[in-house]
Protein backbone atom coordinates (compact mmCIF):
# COMPACT_ATOMS: atom_id res chain seq x y z
CA MET A 1 -39.39 -15.49 25.16
CA ALA A 2 -37.85 -12.65 23.40
CA ASP A 3 -39.58 -9.79 22.26
CA LEU A 4 -39.63 -9.74 18.46
CA ARG A 5 -40.79 -6.09 18.00
CA PHE A 6 -38.65 -3.40 16.51
CA ARG A 7 -39.09 0.45 16.41
CA GLU A 8 -39.71 1.54 12.81
CA ALA A 9 -37.39 4.42 12.01
CA SER A 10 -39.77 6.70 10.20
CA THR A 11 -42.76 6.64 12.72
CA MET A 12 -40.85 5.48 15.76
CA ARG A 13 -43.80 3.02 16.39
CA PHE A 14 -43.11 -0.63 17.39
CA ARG A 15 -44.04 -3.11 14.64
CA ASP A 16 -44.01 -6.85 14.54
CA PRO A 17 -41.27 -8.12 12.07
CA THR A 18 -43.87 -10.04 10.23
CA THR A 19 -45.80 -7.03 9.18
CA GLY A 20 -42.90 -4.99 8.09
CA ARG A 21 -42.69 -3.46 4.59
CA PHE A 22 -40.29 -4.47 1.91
CA VAL A 23 -39.16 -1.81 -0.56
CA PRO A 24 -37.24 -3.32 -3.51
CA ASN A 25 -34.06 -1.59 -4.65
CA PRO A 26 -34.54 -1.02 -8.42
CA LEU A 27 -30.80 -0.89 -9.02
CA VAL A 28 -30.08 -4.14 -7.31
CA VAL A 29 -29.27 -6.22 -10.54
CA PRO A 30 -26.87 -3.64 -12.03
CA GLN A 31 -25.17 -3.18 -8.64
CA LEU A 32 -24.77 -6.80 -8.24
CA ALA A 33 -23.47 -7.18 -11.74
CA ALA A 34 -20.87 -4.40 -11.29
CA GLY A 35 -19.78 -5.87 -7.95
CA LEU A 36 -19.35 -9.28 -9.47
CA ALA A 37 -17.33 -8.09 -12.40
CA MET A 38 -15.19 -5.98 -10.22
CA LYS A 39 -14.52 -8.91 -7.87
CA ALA A 40 -13.61 -11.20 -11.05
CA ALA A 41 -11.22 -8.30 -12.27
CA VAL A 42 -9.56 -7.97 -8.83
CA HIS A 43 -9.34 -11.75 -8.50
CA LEU A 44 -7.65 -12.03 -11.82
CA GLU A 45 -4.93 -9.46 -10.95
CA ALA A 46 -4.39 -11.50 -7.69
CA VAL A 47 -3.81 -14.62 -9.80
CA LYS A 48 -1.21 -12.87 -11.85
CA VAL A 49 0.69 -11.82 -8.72
CA ALA A 50 0.41 -15.35 -7.29
CA ASP A 51 1.66 -16.84 -10.45
CA ALA A 52 4.70 -14.46 -10.49
CA ALA A 53 5.25 -15.41 -6.74
CA LYS A 54 5.25 -19.12 -7.53
CA GLN A 55 7.74 -18.61 -10.26
CA LEU A 56 10.06 -16.68 -7.82
CA ALA A 57 9.63 -19.33 -5.15
CA ARG A 58 10.50 -22.22 -7.54
CA ALA A 59 13.60 -20.44 -8.49
CA GLU A 60 14.68 -19.09 -5.16
CA ALA A 61 13.04 -20.89 -2.29
CA TYR A 62 12.28 -24.38 -3.47
CA ASP A 63 13.11 -27.05 -0.95
CA THR A 64 10.11 -29.36 -0.71
CA GLY A 65 7.60 -27.20 -2.77
CA ALA A 66 5.42 -26.50 0.23
CA TYR A 67 6.00 -22.80 0.22
CA GLU A 68 5.25 -22.56 -3.54
CA ARG A 69 2.19 -24.66 -3.19
CA GLY A 70 1.01 -22.51 -0.12
CA ILE A 71 0.95 -19.41 -2.29
CA ARG A 72 -2.65 -18.76 -3.06
CA PRO A 73 -4.70 -15.71 -4.45
CA ALA A 74 -7.75 -14.47 -2.74
CA SER A 75 -10.36 -11.66 -3.26
CA GLY A 76 -13.22 -10.10 -1.38
CA LEU A 77 -14.55 -7.20 0.44
CA ASP A 78 -12.39 -5.35 3.07
CA LYS A 79 -13.46 -2.30 5.00
CA ASP A 80 -11.02 0.43 4.20
CA PRO A 81 -10.68 3.00 7.15
CA THR A 82 -9.66 5.80 5.05
CA VAL A 83 -12.95 5.80 3.05
CA GLY A 84 -15.28 4.22 5.49
CA TYR A 85 -17.00 1.67 3.25
CA PRO A 86 -16.03 -1.74 1.96
CA LEU A 87 -13.81 -2.06 -1.15
CA GLN A 88 -13.08 -5.10 -3.39
CA ILE A 89 -9.50 -6.15 -2.63
CA GLY A 90 -7.08 -8.83 -3.90
CA ARG A 91 -4.59 -10.59 -1.85
CA VAL A 92 -1.76 -13.24 -2.30
CA ASN A 93 -1.31 -15.40 0.79
CA ALA A 94 1.41 -17.81 1.64
CA TRP A 95 0.11 -20.38 3.92
CA ASP A 96 3.22 -22.48 4.74
CA PHE A 97 4.49 -22.26 8.16
CA LYS A 98 7.90 -21.28 6.89
CA SER A 99 6.33 -18.39 4.70
CA GLY A 100 7.37 -15.65 7.32
CA TRP A 101 10.89 -16.90 7.29
CA ILE A 102 11.21 -16.95 3.71
CA GLU A 103 9.52 -13.62 3.11
CA PHE A 104 11.00 -11.53 6.11
CA GLY A 105 14.14 -13.56 6.95
CA SER A 106 15.17 -15.03 10.22
CA ILE A 107 18.48 -14.95 12.15
CA HIS A 108 19.82 -17.72 9.78
CA ASN A 109 18.30 -16.60 6.57
CA VAL A 110 18.09 -13.37 4.68
CA ALA A 111 14.77 -11.95 3.64
CA LYS A 112 13.80 -13.07 0.13
CA HIS A 113 10.59 -10.69 -0.08
CA ILE A 114 9.06 -12.95 -2.77
CA LEU A 115 5.57 -11.73 -2.48
CA GLN A 116 6.73 -8.13 -2.68
CA ARG A 117 8.84 -8.67 -5.71
CA ALA A 118 6.01 -10.54 -7.39
CA ALA A 119 3.72 -7.58 -6.97
CA GLU A 120 6.29 -5.40 -8.37
CA ALA A 121 7.10 -7.58 -11.37
CA VAL A 122 3.45 -7.48 -12.32
CA GLY A 123 3.55 -3.76 -12.18
CA TYR A 124 2.32 -2.71 -8.64
CA THR A 125 4.23 -0.57 -6.17
CA VAL A 126 4.55 -1.76 -2.75
CA GLN A 127 4.79 0.71 0.15
CA VAL A 128 6.43 -0.86 3.13
CA SER A 129 6.20 0.56 6.57
CA GLN A 130 6.75 -0.76 10.23
CA ASN A 131 3.32 -2.38 10.77
CA PHE A 132 2.02 -3.19 7.28
CA ARG A 133 2.65 -3.63 3.60
CA ARG A 134 0.31 -1.85 1.26
CA VAL A 135 0.34 -2.52 -2.42
CA THR A 136 -1.47 0.74 -3.20
CA GLY A 137 1.48 3.02 -2.40
CA SER A 138 3.22 5.46 -4.64
CA GLY A 139 6.68 4.18 -3.97
CA ARG A 140 8.98 1.98 -1.80
CA GLU A 141 9.67 3.16 1.59
CA ARG A 142 11.74 0.82 3.86
CA VAL A 143 12.12 1.08 7.59
CA SER A 144 15.54 0.92 8.72
CA HIS A 145 15.11 -2.28 10.82
CA LEU A 146 13.83 -4.12 7.73
CA LYS A 147 17.13 -3.47 5.73
CA ARG A 148 19.85 -6.04 6.00
């Protein structure tokens, strides 16, 4: 059977988990409220970008409607390596299997950049590099192999 004891950090003595102390955080309710409000605000912005992307998809890439229906907003926590702690983020995902071909192009189709243009239409700047697209950039940078 597994040993359920753990070493307490303050005294370095072994303790049974059933006899551990609980110290309540007095700021837990305001912190949770602020986190939920931030998640709601970020999700609302993701919904705005998704709606703009659906309008662009309906106008420029509508064949069966699967691509348009596959555009969905999402939000949650993501660890940002530049600051070292989790941040609330909003995303717009395109879940149809043809999404990559529509967004980035193929040998038969030119890239339409619908999600990128939707973010720009809502008022965000999109920084493009070789390995990722970041919506928190200060301007548009294109890598030469992404140009047509």
